[in-house]
């Protein structure tokens, strides 16, 4: 399973989040999902907000272009990115193949 897939309006990105990490960073692709370590705790949506803010900054897009489609209360999340192709997302995140 690939972490990126195309949609009619953009790209779906599979993300595996590790909250309460010592530093916020991307940790590559593992088991078909982009691994993202976040310093934010998984309380009151803080990790979800931090995840979307980090991805928006890394992709150089407005936060409004990102939508959490699945995984609101899970470590495994599905993020829809409007206006970018999977190739553009892979290039911006430094993924070798997508």
PDB file of N, CA and C in Angstrom:
ATOM      1  N   UNK A   1       0.843  -1.180   0.000  1.00  0.00           N
ATOM      2  CA  UNK A   1       0.000   0.000   0.000  1.00  0.00           C
ATOM      3  C   UNK A   1       0.890   1.246   0.000  1.00  0.00           C
ATOM      4  N   UNK A   2       0.553   2.172  -0.836  1.00  0.00           N
ATOM      5  CA  UNK A   2       1.327   3.418  -0.943  1.00  0.00           C
ATOM      6  C   UNK A   2       0.730   4.493  -0.029  1.00  0.00           C
ATOM      7  N   UNK A   3       1.551   5.404   0.482  1.00  0.00           N
ATOM      8  CA  UNK A   3       1.032   6.461   1.346  1.00  0.00           C
ATOM      9  C   UNK A   3       0.273   7.549   0.587  1.00  0.00           C
ATOM     10  N   UNK A   4       0.486   7.643  -0.731  1.00  0.00           N
ATOM     11  CA  UNK A   4      -0.155   8.679  -1.528  1.00  0.00           C
ATOM     12  C   UNK A   4      -1.078   8.072  -2.566  1.00  0.00           C
ATOM     13  N   UNK A   5      -2.232   8.684  -2.764  1.00  0.00           N
ATOM     14  CA  UNK A   5      -3.125   8.277  -3.841  1.00  0.00           C
ATOM     15  C   UNK A   5      -3.825   9.511  -4.386  1.00  0.00           C
ATOM     16  N   UNK A   6      -4.067   9.498  -5.687  1.00  0.00           N
ATOM     17  CA  UNK A   6      -4.681  10.642  -6.364  1.00  0.00           C
ATOM     18  C   UNK A   6      -6.199  10.623  -6.181  1.00  0.00           C
ATOM     19  N   UNK A   7      -6.781  11.806  -6.108  1.00  0.00           N
ATOM     20  CA  UNK A   7      -8.228  11.979  -6.105  1.00  0.00           C
ATOM     21  C   UNK A   7      -8.570  12.973  -7.200  1.00  0.00           C
ATOM     22  N   UNK A   8      -9.838  13.204  -7.426  1.00  0.00           N
ATOM     23  CA  UNK A   8     -10.270  14.148  -8.458  1.00  0.00           C
ATOM     24  C   UNK A   8      -9.836  15.580  -8.131  1.00  0.00           C
ATOM     25  N   UNK A   9      -9.694  15.902  -6.843  1.00  0.00           N
ATOM     26  CA  UNK A   9      -9.369  17.271  -6.451  1.00  0.00           C
ATOM     27  C   UNK A   9      -8.000  17.433  -5.810  1.00  0.00           C
ATOM     28  N   UNK A  10      -7.232  16.344  -5.687  1.00  0.00           N
ATOM     29  CA  UNK A  10      -5.927  16.465  -5.039  1.00  0.00           C
ATOM     30  C   UNK A  10      -5.313  15.124  -4.706  1.00  0.00           C
ATOM     31  N   UNK A  11      -4.888  14.973  -3.467  1.00  0.00           N
ATOM     32  CA  UNK A  11      -4.154  13.784  -3.034  1.00  0.00           C
ATOM     33  C   UNK A  11      -4.611  13.348  -1.652  1.00  0.00           C
ATOM     34  N   UNK A  12      -4.692  12.034  -1.451  1.00  0.00           N
ATOM     35  CA  UNK A  12      -4.908  11.467  -0.123  1.00  0.00           C
ATOM     36  C   UNK A  12      -3.560  10.994   0.409  1.00  0.00           C
ATOM     37  N   UNK A  13      -3.257  11.355   1.638  1.00  0.00           N
ATOM     38  CA  UNK A  13      -1.997  10.989   2.280  1.00  0.00           C
ATOM     39  C   UNK A  13      -2.295  10.187   3.541  1.00  0.00           C
ATOM     40  N   UNK A  14      -1.733   8.991   3.618  1.00  0.00           N
ATOM     41  CA  UNK A  14      -1.853   8.164   4.825  1.00  0.00           C
ATOM     42  C   UNK A  14      -0.724   8.550   5.770  1.00  0.00           C
ATOM     43  N   UNK A  15      -1.083   8.850   7.006  1.00  0.00           N
ATOM     44  CA  UNK A  15      -0.110   9.299   7.999  1.00  0.00           C
ATOM     45  C   UNK A  15      -0.258   8.461   9.271  1.00  0.00           C
ATOM     46  N   UNK A  16       0.860   8.046   9.826  1.00  0.00           N
ATOM     47  CA  UNK A  16       0.890   7.378  11.134  1.00  0.00           C
ATOM     48  C   UNK A  16       1.550   8.354  12.092  1.00  0.00           C
ATOM     49  N   UNK A  17       0.803   8.816  13.092  1.00  0.00           N
ATOM     50  CA  UNK A  17       1.266   9.858  14.009  1.00  0.00           C
ATOM     51  C   UNK A  17       1.743   9.236  15.322  1.00  0.00           C
ATOM     52  N   UNK A  18       2.866   9.743  15.809  1.00  0.00           N
ATOM     53  CA  UNK A  18       3.338   9.381  17.141  1.00  0.00           C
ATOM     54  C   UNK A  18       3.326  10.653  17.987  1.00  0.00           C
ATOM     55  N   UNK A  19       2.305  10.820  18.820  1.00  0.00           N
ATOM     56  CA  UNK A  19       2.243  12.019  19.668  1.00  0.00           C
ATOM     57  C   UNK A  19       3.229  11.946  20.824  1.00  0.00           C
ATOM     58  N   UNK A  20       3.455  13.081  21.441  1.00  0.00           N
ATOM     59  CA  UNK A  20       4.360  13.215  22.593  1.00  0.00           C
ATOM     60  C   UNK A  20       5.783  12.760  22.300  1.00  0.00           C
ATOM     61  N   UNK A  21       6.247  12.992  21.090  1.00  0.00           N
ATOM     62  CA  UNK A  21       7.640  12.690  20.738  1.00  0.00           C
ATOM     63  C   UNK A  21       8.531  13.816  21.255  1.00  0.00           C
ATOM     64  N   UNK A  22       9.812  13.580  21.272  1.00  0.00           N
ATOM     65  CA  UNK A  22      10.729  14.601  21.778  1.00  0.00           C
ATOM     66  C   UNK A  22      10.917  15.746  20.790  1.00  0.00           C
ATOM     67  N   UNK A  23      10.677  15.467  19.500  1.00  0.00           N
ATOM     68  CA  UNK A  23      10.815  16.498  18.473  1.00  0.00           C
ATOM     69  C   UNK A  23       9.804  16.219  17.360  1.00  0.00           C
ATOM     70  N   UNK A  24       9.312  17.281  16.722  1.00  0.00           N
ATOM     71  CA  UNK A  24       8.386  17.120  15.604  1.00  0.00           C
ATOM     72  C   UNK A  24       9.195  16.942  14.335  1.00  0.00           C
ATOM     73  N   UNK A  25       8.952  15.812  13.632  1.00  0.00           N
ATOM     74  CA  UNK A  25       9.696  15.548  12.401  1.00  0.00           C
ATOM     75  C   UNK A  25       9.035  14.429  11.605  1.00  0.00           C
ATOM     76  N   UNK A  26       9.362  14.394  10.322  1.00  0.00           N
ATOM     77  CA  UNK A  26       8.969  13.283   9.469  1.00  0.00           C
ATOM     78  C   UNK A  26       9.965  12.163   9.681  1.00  0.00           C
ATOM     79  N   UNK A  27       9.468  10.925   9.664  1.00  0.00           N
ATOM     80  CA  UNK A  27      10.337   9.787   9.933  1.00  0.00           C
ATOM     81  C   UNK A  27      10.283   8.757   8.808  1.00  0.00           C
ATOM     82  N   UNK A  28       9.981   9.206   7.589  1.00  0.00           N
ATOM     83  CA  UNK A  28       9.952   8.302   6.446  1.00  0.00           C
ATOM     84  C   UNK A  28       8.639   7.555   6.309  1.00  0.00           C
ATOM     85  N   UNK A  29       8.657   6.573   5.422  1.00  0.00           N
ATOM     86  CA  UNK A  29       7.469   5.767   5.153  1.00  0.00           C
ATOM     87  C   UNK A  29       7.653   4.396   5.770  1.00  0.00           C
ATOM     88  N   UNK A  30       6.653   3.963   6.525  1.00  0.00           N
ATOM     89  CA  UNK A  30       6.666   2.640   7.130  1.00  0.00           C
ATOM     90  C   UNK A  30       5.272   2.047   7.026  1.00  0.00           C
ATOM     91  N   UNK A  31       5.193   0.804   6.564  1.00  0.00           N
ATOM     92  CA  UNK A  31       3.924   0.064   6.473  1.00  0.00           C
ATOM     93  C   UNK A  31       2.870   0.829   5.680  1.00  0.00           C
ATOM     94  N   UNK A  32       3.283   1.476   4.596  1.00  0.00           N
ATOM     95  CA  UNK A  32       2.335   2.155   3.719  1.00  0.00           C
ATOM     96  C   UNK A  32       1.810   3.479   4.208  1.00  0.00           C
ATOM     97  N   UNK A  33       2.470   4.072   5.197  1.00  0.00           N
ATOM     98  CA  UNK A  33       2.037   5.368   5.712  1.00  0.00           C
ATOM     99  C   UNK A  33       3.259   6.224   6.032  1.00  0.00           C
ATOM    100  N   UNK A  34       3.085   7.528   5.894  1.00  0.00           N
ATOM    101  CA  UNK A  34       4.129   8.475   6.271  1.00  0.00           C
ATOM    102  C   UNK A  34       4.153   8.548   7.793  1.00  0.00           C
ATOM    103  N   UNK A  35       5.305   8.336   8.392  1.00  0.00           N
ATOM    104  CA  UNK A  35       5.415   8.394   9.847  1.00  0.00           C
ATOM    105  C   UNK A  35       5.766   9.818  10.263  1.00  0.00           C
ATOM    106  N   UNK A  36       4.970  10.363  11.167  1.00  0.00           N
ATOM    107  CA  UNK A  36       5.140  11.735  11.632  1.00  0.00           C
ATOM    108  C   UNK A  36       5.185  11.740  13.149  1.00  0.00           C
ATOM    109  N   UNK A  37       6.292  12.212  13.690  1.00  0.00           N
ATOM    110  CA  UNK A  37       6.428  12.348  15.144  1.00  0.00           C
ATOM    111  C   UNK A  37       6.044  13.775  15.521  1.00  0.00           C
ATOM    112  N   UNK A  38       5.209  13.897  16.547  1.00  0.00           N
ATOM    113  CA  UNK A  38       4.716  15.205  16.995  1.00  0.00           C
ATOM    114  C   UNK A  38       4.972  15.385  18.480  1.00  0.00           C
ATOM    115  N   UNK A  39       5.337  16.592  18.878  1.00  0.00           N
ATOM    116  CA  UNK A  39       5.509  16.876  20.299  1.00  0.00           C
ATOM    117  C   UNK A  39       4.162  17.078  20.982  1.00  0.00           C
ATOM    118  N   UNK A  40       3.125  17.359  20.227  1.00  0.00           N
ATOM    119  CA  UNK A  40       1.795  17.626  20.785  1.00  0.00           C
ATOM    120  C   UNK A  40       1.203  16.363  21.409  1.00  0.00           C
ATOM    121  N   UNK A  41       0.456  16.527  22.497  1.00  0.00           N
ATOM    122  CA  UNK A  41      -0.202  15.369  23.118  1.00  0.00           C
ATOM    123  C   UNK A  41      -1.503  15.040  22.378  1.00  0.00           C
ATOM    124  N   UNK A  42      -1.975  13.806  22.491  1.00  0.00           N
ATOM    125  CA  UNK A  42      -3.224  13.420  21.831  1.00  0.00           C
ATOM    126  C   UNK A  42      -4.448  13.791  22.674  1.00  0.00           C
ATOM    127  N   UNK A  43      -4.526  15.043  23.083  1.00  0.00           N
ATOM    128  CA  UNK A  43      -5.593  15.508  23.965  1.00  0.00           C
ATOM    129  C   UNK A  43      -6.327  16.670  23.306  1.00  0.00           C
ATOM    130  N   UNK A  44      -7.637  16.621  23.308  1.00  0.00           N
ATOM    131  CA  UNK A  44      -8.484  17.702  22.786  1.00  0.00           C
ATOM    132  C   UNK A  44      -8.116  18.114  21.370  1.00  0.00           C
ATOM    133  N   UNK A  45      -7.700  17.184  20.530  1.00  0.00           N
ATOM    134  CA  UNK A  45      -7.394  17.480  19.139  1.00  0.00           C
ATOM    135  C   UNK A  45      -6.069  18.182  18.899  1.00  0.00           C
ATOM    136  N   UNK A  46      -5.226  18.283  19.910  1.00  0.00           N
ATOM    137  CA  UNK A  46      -3.950  18.988  19.763  1.00  0.00           C
ATOM    138  C   UNK A  46      -3.042  18.294  18.754  1.00  0.00           C
ATOM    139  N   UNK A  47      -2.992  16.966  18.784  1.00  0.00           N
ATOM    140  CA  UNK A  47      -2.136  16.236  17.839  1.00  0.00           C
ATOM    141  C   UNK A  47      -2.671  16.362  16.414  1.00  0.00           C
ATOM    142  N   UNK A  48      -3.979  16.351  16.240  1.00  0.00           N
ATOM    143  CA  UNK A  48      -4.557  16.529  14.904  1.00  0.00           C
ATOM    144  C   UNK A  48      -4.222  17.912  14.354  1.00  0.00           C
ATOM    145  N   UNK A  49      -4.380  18.931  15.178  1.00  0.00           N
ATOM    146  CA  UNK A  49      -4.067  20.292  14.751  1.00  0.00           C
ATOM    147  C   UNK A  49      -2.590  20.433  14.416  1.00  0.00           C
ATOM    148  N   UNK A  50      -1.719  19.844  15.244  1.00  0.00           N
ATOM    149  CA  UNK A  50      -0.283  19.913  14.995  1.00  0.00           C
ATOM    150  C   UNK A  50       0.086  19.162  13.721  1.00  0.00           C
ATOM    151  N   UNK A  51      -0.558  18.046  13.485  1.00  0.00           N
ATOM    152  CA  UNK A  51      -0.313  17.255  12.270  1.00  0.00           C
ATOM    153  C   UNK A  51      -0.638  18.067  11.025  1.00  0.00           C
ATOM    154  N   UNK A  52      -1.830  18.660  11.001  1.00  0.00           N
ATOM    155  CA  UNK A  52      -2.241  19.438   9.831  1.00  0.00           C
ATOM    156  C   UNK A  52      -1.393  20.697   9.658  1.00  0.00           C
ATOM    157  N   UNK A  53      -1.036  21.349  10.754  1.00  0.00           N
ATOM    158  CA  UNK A  53      -0.190  22.543  10.668  1.00  0.00           C
ATOM    159  C   UNK A  53       1.199  22.183  10.139  1.00  0.00           C
ATOM    160  N   UNK A  54       1.770  21.084  10.625  1.00  0.00           N
ATOM    161  CA  UNK A  54       3.086  20.657  10.155  1.00  0.00           C
ATOM    162  C   UNK A  54       3.049  20.329   8.668  1.00  0.00           C
ATOM    163  N   UNK A  55       2.040  19.573   8.236  1.00  0.00           N
ATOM    164  CA  UNK A  55       1.943  19.206   6.821  1.00  0.00           C
ATOM    165  C   UNK A  55       1.734  20.433   5.935  1.00  0.00           C
ATOM    166  N   UNK A  56       0.907  21.375   6.375  1.00  0.00           N
ATOM    167  CA  UNK A  56       0.687  22.594   5.592  1.00  0.00           C
ATOM    168  C   UNK A  56       1.994  23.355   5.407  1.00  0.00           C
ATOM    169  N   UNK A  57       2.783  23.454   6.461  1.00  0.00           N
ATOM    170  CA  UNK A  57       4.068  24.150   6.373  1.00  0.00           C
ATOM    171  C   UNK A  57       5.037  23.389   5.470  1.00  0.00           C
ATOM    172  N   UNK A  58       5.097  22.081   5.620  1.00  0.00           N
ATOM    173  CA  UNK A  58       6.023  21.269   4.824  1.00  0.00           C
ATOM    174  C   UNK A  58       5.654  21.286   3.341  1.00  0.00           C
ATOM    175  N   UNK A  59       4.360  21.359   3.052  1.00  0.00           N
ATOM    176  CA  UNK A  59       3.892  21.352   1.659  1.00  0.00           C
ATOM    177  C   UNK A  59       3.797  22.748   1.059  1.00  0.00           C
ATOM    178  N   UNK A  60       3.999  23.769   1.871  1.00  0.00           N
ATOM    179  CA  UNK A  60       3.909  25.172   1.427  1.00  0.00           C
ATOM    180  C   UNK A  60       2.528  25.476   0.854  1.00  0.00           C
ATOM    181  N   UNK A  61       1.500  25.046   1.601  1.00  0.00           N
ATOM    182  CA  UNK A  61       0.120  25.330   1.211  1.00  0.00           C
ATOM    183  C   UNK A  61      -0.610  25.926   2.404  1.00  0.00           C
ATOM    184  N   UNK A  62      -1.768  26.515   2.136  1.00  0.00           N
ATOM    185  CA  UNK A  62      -2.592  27.054   3.211  1.00  0.00           C
ATOM    186  C   UNK A  62      -3.184  25.907   4.022  1.00  0.00           C
ATOM    187  N   UNK A  63      -3.353  26.113   5.299  1.00  0.00           N
ATOM    188  CA  UNK A  63      -3.942  25.099   6.171  1.00  0.00           C
ATOM    189  C   UNK A  63      -5.334  24.688   5.675  1.00  0.00           C
ATOM    190  N   UNK A  64      -6.039  25.611   5.036  1.00  0.00           N
ATOM    191  CA  UNK A  64      -7.387  25.339   4.531  1.00  0.00           C
ATOM    192  C   UNK A  64      -7.397  24.300   3.406  1.00  0.00           C
ATOM    193  N   UNK A  65      -6.262  24.031   2.787  1.00  0.00           N
ATOM    194  CA  UNK A  65      -6.175  23.027   1.727  1.00  0.00           C
ATOM    195  C   UNK A  65      -6.054  21.611   2.275  1.00  0.00           C
ATOM    196  N   UNK A  66      -5.927  21.475   3.580  1.00  0.00           N
ATOM    197  CA  UNK A  66      -5.797  20.163   4.211  1.00  0.00           C
ATOM    198  C   UNK A  66      -7.060  19.839   4.991  1.00  0.00           C
ATOM    199  N   UNK A  67      -7.494  18.581   4.872  1.00  0.00           N
ATOM    200  CA  UNK A  67      -8.690  18.139   5.567  1.00  0.00           C
ATOM    201  C   UNK A  67      -8.441  16.738   6.121  1.00  0.00           C
ATOM    202  N   UNK A  68      -8.707  16.555   7.397  1.00  0.00           N
ATOM    203  CA  UNK A  68      -8.572  15.247   8.022  1.00  0.00           C
ATOM    204  C   UNK A  68      -9.823  14.436   7.670  1.00  0.00           C
ATOM    205  N   UNK A  69      -9.655  13.447   6.784  1.00  0.00           N
ATOM    206  CA  UNK A  69     -10.798  12.672   6.312  1.00  0.00           C
ATOM    207  C   UNK A  69     -11.110  11.485   7.201  1.00  0.00           C
ATOM    208  N   UNK A  70     -10.108  10.924   7.832  1.00  0.00           N
ATOM    209  CA  UNK A  70     -10.319   9.768   8.707  1.00  0.00           C
ATOM    210  C   UNK A  70      -9.229   9.749   9.761  1.00  0.00           C
ATOM    211  N   UNK A  71      -9.538   9.148  10.903  1.00  0.00           N
ATOM    212  CA  UNK A  71      -8.534   8.995  11.938  1.00  0.00           C
ATOM    213  C   UNK A  71      -8.521  10.078  12.987  1.00  0.00           C
ATOM    214  N   UNK A  72      -9.647  10.723  13.197  1.00  0.00           N
ATOM    215  CA  UNK A  72      -9.723  11.803  14.178  1.00  0.00           C
ATOM    216  C   UNK A  72      -9.253  11.359  15.562  1.00  0.00           C
ATOM    217  N   UNK A  73      -9.547  10.117  15.935  1.00  0.00           N
ATOM    218  CA  UNK A  73      -9.170   9.608  17.258  1.00  0.00           C
ATOM    219  C   UNK A  73      -8.219   8.418  17.153  1.00  0.00           C
ATOM    220  N   UNK A  74      -7.445   8.372  16.079  1.00  0.00           N
ATOM    221  CA  UNK A  74      -6.538   7.260  15.834  1.00  0.00           C
ATOM    222  C   UNK A  74      -5.156   7.787  15.486  1.00  0.00           C
ATOM    223  N   UNK A  75      -4.150   6.949  15.640  1.00  0.00           N
ATOM    224  CA  UNK A  75      -2.803   7.325  15.193  1.00  0.00           C
ATOM    225  C   UNK A  75      -2.706   7.275  13.677  1.00  0.00           C
ATOM    226  N   UNK A  76      -3.528   6.435  13.055  1.00  0.00           N
ATOM    227  CA  UNK A  76      -3.541   6.309  11.598  1.00  0.00           C
ATOM    228  C   UNK A  76      -4.548   7.299  11.033  1.00  0.00           C
ATOM    229  N   UNK A  77      -4.056   8.225  10.229  1.00  0.00           N
ATOM    230  CA  UNK A  77      -4.897   9.299   9.707  1.00  0.00           C
ATOM    231  C   UNK A  77      -4.876   9.309   8.186  1.00  0.00           C
ATOM    232  N   UNK A  78      -5.934   9.832   7.609  1.00  0.00           N
ATOM    233  CA  UNK A  78      -6.044  10.013   6.176  1.00  0.00           C
ATOM    234  C   UNK A  78      -6.298  11.491   5.934  1.00  0.00           C
ATOM    235  N   UNK A  79      -5.337  12.150   5.293  1.00  0.00           N
ATOM    236  CA  UNK A  79      -5.400  13.590   5.075  1.00  0.00           C
ATOM    237  C   UNK A  79      -5.614  13.856   3.592  1.00  0.00           C
ATOM    238  N   UNK A  80      -6.628  14.667   3.270  1.00  0.00           N
ATOM    239  CA  UNK A  80      -6.849  15.069   1.886  1.00  0.00           C
ATOM    240  C   UNK A  80      -6.178  16.419   1.667  1.00  0.00           C
ATOM    241  N   UNK A  81      -5.380  16.500   0.605  1.00  0.00           N
ATOM    242  CA  UNK A  81      -4.663  17.729   0.251  1.00  0.00           C
ATOM    243  C   UNK A  81      -5.234  18.212  -1.068  1.00  0.00           C
ATOM    244  N   UNK A  82      -5.910  19.325  -1.046  1.00  0.00           N
ATOM    245  CA  UNK A  82      -6.547  19.873  -2.237  1.00  0.00           C
ATOM    246  C   UNK A  82      -5.540  20.638  -3.079  1.00  0.00           C
ATOM    247  N   UNK A  83      -5.559  20.385  -4.387  1.00  0.00           N
ATOM    248  CA  UNK A  83      -4.767  21.174  -5.318  1.00  0.00           C
ATOM    249  C   UNK A  83      -3.358  20.686  -5.602  1.00  0.00           C
ATOM    250  N   UNK A  84      -2.928  19.594  -4.999  1.00  0.00           N
ATOM    251  CA  UNK A  84      -1.591  19.055  -5.264  1.00  0.00           C
ATOM    252  C   UNK A  84      -1.703  17.615  -5.754  1.00  0.00           C
ATOM    253  N   UNK A  85      -0.848  17.264  -6.702  1.00  0.00           N
ATOM    254  CA  UNK A  85      -0.803  15.886  -7.194  1.00  0.00           C
ATOM    255  C   UNK A  85       0.064  15.051  -6.251  1.00  0.00           C
ATOM    256  N   UNK A  86      -0.062  13.724  -6.313  1.00  0.00           N
ATOM    257  CA  UNK A  86       0.814  12.886  -5.487  1.00  0.00           C
ATOM    258  C   UNK A  86       2.302  13.149  -5.743  1.00  0.00           C
ATOM    259  N   UNK A  87       2.676  13.422  -6.987  1.00  0.00           N
ATOM    260  CA  UNK A  87       4.075  13.712  -7.299  1.00  0.00           C
ATOM    261  C   UNK A  87       4.541  14.998  -6.626  1.00  0.00           C
ATOM    262  N   UNK A  88       3.685  16.012  -6.591  1.00  0.00           N
ATOM    263  CA  UNK A  88       4.039  17.276  -5.936  1.00  0.00           C
ATOM    264  C   UNK A  88       4.178  17.087  -4.425  1.00  0.00           C
ATOM    265  N   UNK A  89       3.286  16.299  -3.835  1.00  0.00           N
ATOM    266  CA  UNK A  89       3.350  16.027  -2.400  1.00  0.00           C
ATOM    267  C   UNK A  89       4.614  15.233  -2.072  1.00  0.00           C
ATOM    268  N   UNK A  90       4.915  14.215  -2.880  1.00  0.00           N
ATOM    269  CA  UNK A  90       6.115  13.403  -2.658  1.00  0.00           C
ATOM    270  C   UNK A  90       7.370  14.257  -2.744  1.00  0.00           C
ATOM    271  N   UNK A  91       7.432  15.144  -3.718  1.00  0.00           N
ATOM    272  CA  UNK A  91       8.595  16.013  -3.867  1.00  0.00           C
ATOM    273  C   UNK A  91       8.730  16.973  -2.684  1.00  0.00           C
ATOM    274  N   UNK A  92       7.630  17.547  -2.234  1.00  0.00           N
ATOM    275  CA  UNK A  92       7.674  18.506  -1.129  1.00  0.00           C
ATOM    276  C   UNK A  92       8.053  17.834   0.193  1.00  0.00           C
ATOM    277  N   UNK A  93       7.653  16.567   0.374  1.00  0.00           N
ATOM    278  CA  UNK A  93       7.955  15.855   1.618  1.00  0.00           C
ATOM    279  C   UNK A  93       9.250  15.062   1.544  1.00  0.00           C
ATOM    280  N   UNK A  94       9.895  15.060   0.369  1.00  0.00           N
ATOM    281  CA  UNK A  94      11.162  14.349   0.229  1.00  0.00           C
ATOM    282  C   UNK A  94      11.018  12.841   0.185  1.00  0.00           C
ATOM    283  N   UNK A  95       9.888  12.376  -0.341  1.00  0.00           N
ATOM    284  CA  UNK A  95       9.669  10.937  -0.474  1.00  0.00           C
ATOM    285  C   UNK A  95      10.267  10.476  -1.799  1.00  0.00           C
ATOM    286  N   UNK A  96      11.076   9.456  -1.763  1.00  0.00           N
ATOM    287  CA  UNK A  96      11.770   8.984  -2.973  1.00  0.00           C
ATOM    288  C   UNK A  96      10.795   8.472  -4.023  1.00  0.00           C
ATOM    289  N   UNK A  97       9.863   7.630  -3.627  1.00  0.00           N
ATOM    290  CA  UNK A  97       8.896   7.110  -4.579  1.00  0.00           C
ATOM    291  C   UNK A  97       7.518   7.147  -3.963  1.00  0.00           C
ATOM    292  N   UNK A  98       6.562   7.498  -4.801  1.00  0.00           N
ATOM    293  CA  UNK A  98       5.179   7.566  -4.302  1.00  0.00           C
ATOM    294  C   UNK A  98       4.245   7.053  -5.353  1.00  0.00           C
TER     295      UNK A  98
END
